[in-house]
Amino acid sequence: MASALARTTYNVFFRRSSNYLVGIFAGAFAFEIAFDSAADRLWDMANKGRQWKDIRSKYIQAADSEPADDEE
């Protein structure tokens, strides 16, 4: 079983250098997306309530409730 799996993996991914190269690029791209998503999620959890996306509604509501100075 393990030998058949190893043989299939070799024939699909490593036999031709073009397949190997495509596999490396696809793996790097997938890793980059996963790493960026995890890092963003970790950053958002560590800085919850201190980022513009968290406090924006307070400032927009305050600006809407104040009268404009140029209105006469």
Protein backbone atom coordinates (compact mmCIF):
# COMPACT_ATOMS: atom_id res chain seq x y z
CA MET A 1 0.00 0.00 0.00
CA ALA A 2 2.69 2.51 0.99
CA SER A 3 4.73 1.54 -2.04
CA ALA A 4 1.78 2.15 -4.37
CA LEU A 5 1.14 5.52 -2.76
CA ALA A 6 4.78 6.48 -3.07
CA ARG A 7 4.87 5.34 -6.71
CA THR A 8 1.72 7.31 -7.55
CA THR A 9 3.04 10.42 -5.79
CA TYR A 10 6.32 10.14 -7.67
CA ASN A 11 4.61 9.66 -11.04
CA VAL A 12 2.22 12.59 -10.52
CA PHE A 13 4.46 15.19 -8.88
CA PHE A 14 8.15 14.37 -9.20
CA ARG A 15 8.66 12.53 -12.47
CA ARG A 16 8.62 15.65 -14.63
CA SER A 17 10.32 18.82 -13.51
CA SER A 18 7.45 20.93 -14.85
CA ASN A 19 4.99 19.14 -12.53
CA TYR A 20 7.44 19.55 -9.65
CA LEU A 21 7.76 23.27 -10.34
CA VAL A 22 3.99 23.75 -10.56
CA GLY A 23 3.59 21.88 -7.28
CA ILE A 24 6.16 24.09 -5.58
CA PHE A 25 4.49 27.29 -6.82
CA ALA A 26 1.01 26.07 -5.88
CA GLY A 27 2.22 25.03 -2.43
CA ALA A 28 3.96 28.36 -1.87
CA PHE A 29 0.86 30.27 -2.95
CA ALA A 30 -1.40 28.22 -0.67
CA PHE A 31 1.02 28.61 2.24
CA GLU A 32 1.18 32.39 1.71
CA ILE A 33 -2.61 32.71 1.78
CA ALA A 34 -2.91 30.52 4.88
CA PHE A 35 -0.08 32.31 6.70
CA ASP A 36 -1.42 35.79 5.89
CA SER A 37 -4.92 34.84 7.02
CA ALA A 38 -3.64 33.38 10.29
CA ALA A 39 -1.38 36.39 10.95
CA ASP A 40 -4.23 38.84 10.26
CA ARG A 41 -6.57 36.91 12.55
CA LEU A 42 -3.95 36.84 15.32
CA TRP A 43 -3.26 40.58 14.91
CA ASP A 44 -6.98 41.39 15.01
CA MET A 45 -7.46 39.33 18.18
CA ALA A 46 -4.47 40.98 19.90
CA ASN A 47 -5.59 44.52 18.95
CA LYS A 48 -9.36 44.21 19.25
CA GLY A 49 -10.98 47.58 19.99
CA ARG A 50 -7.91 49.61 19.02
CA GLN A 51 -8.14 49.48 15.26
CA TRP A 52 -9.94 51.91 12.98
CA LYS A 53 -12.40 49.26 11.85
CA ASP A 54 -13.44 48.78 15.51
CA ILE A 55 -13.81 52.46 16.49
CA ARG A 56 -14.91 53.96 13.17
CA SER A 57 -18.61 53.91 14.02
CA LYS A 58 -18.04 56.16 17.07
CA TYR A 59 -16.43 58.87 14.96
CA ILE A 60 -18.92 58.64 12.11
CA GLN A 61 -21.86 58.93 14.53
CA ALA A 62 -20.19 61.90 16.27
CA ALA A 63 -19.62 63.66 12.95
CA ASP A 64 -23.24 63.09 11.87
CA SER A 65 -24.68 64.52 15.09
CA GLU A 66 -22.60 67.73 15.03
CA PRO A 67 -23.89 70.64 12.93
CA ALA A 68 -21.64 71.72 10.11
CA ASP A 69 -19.87 75.06 10.46
CA ASP A 70 -20.44 76.11 6.85
CA GLU A 71 -24.24 75.78 6.97
CA GLU A 72 -26.03 79.10 7.39
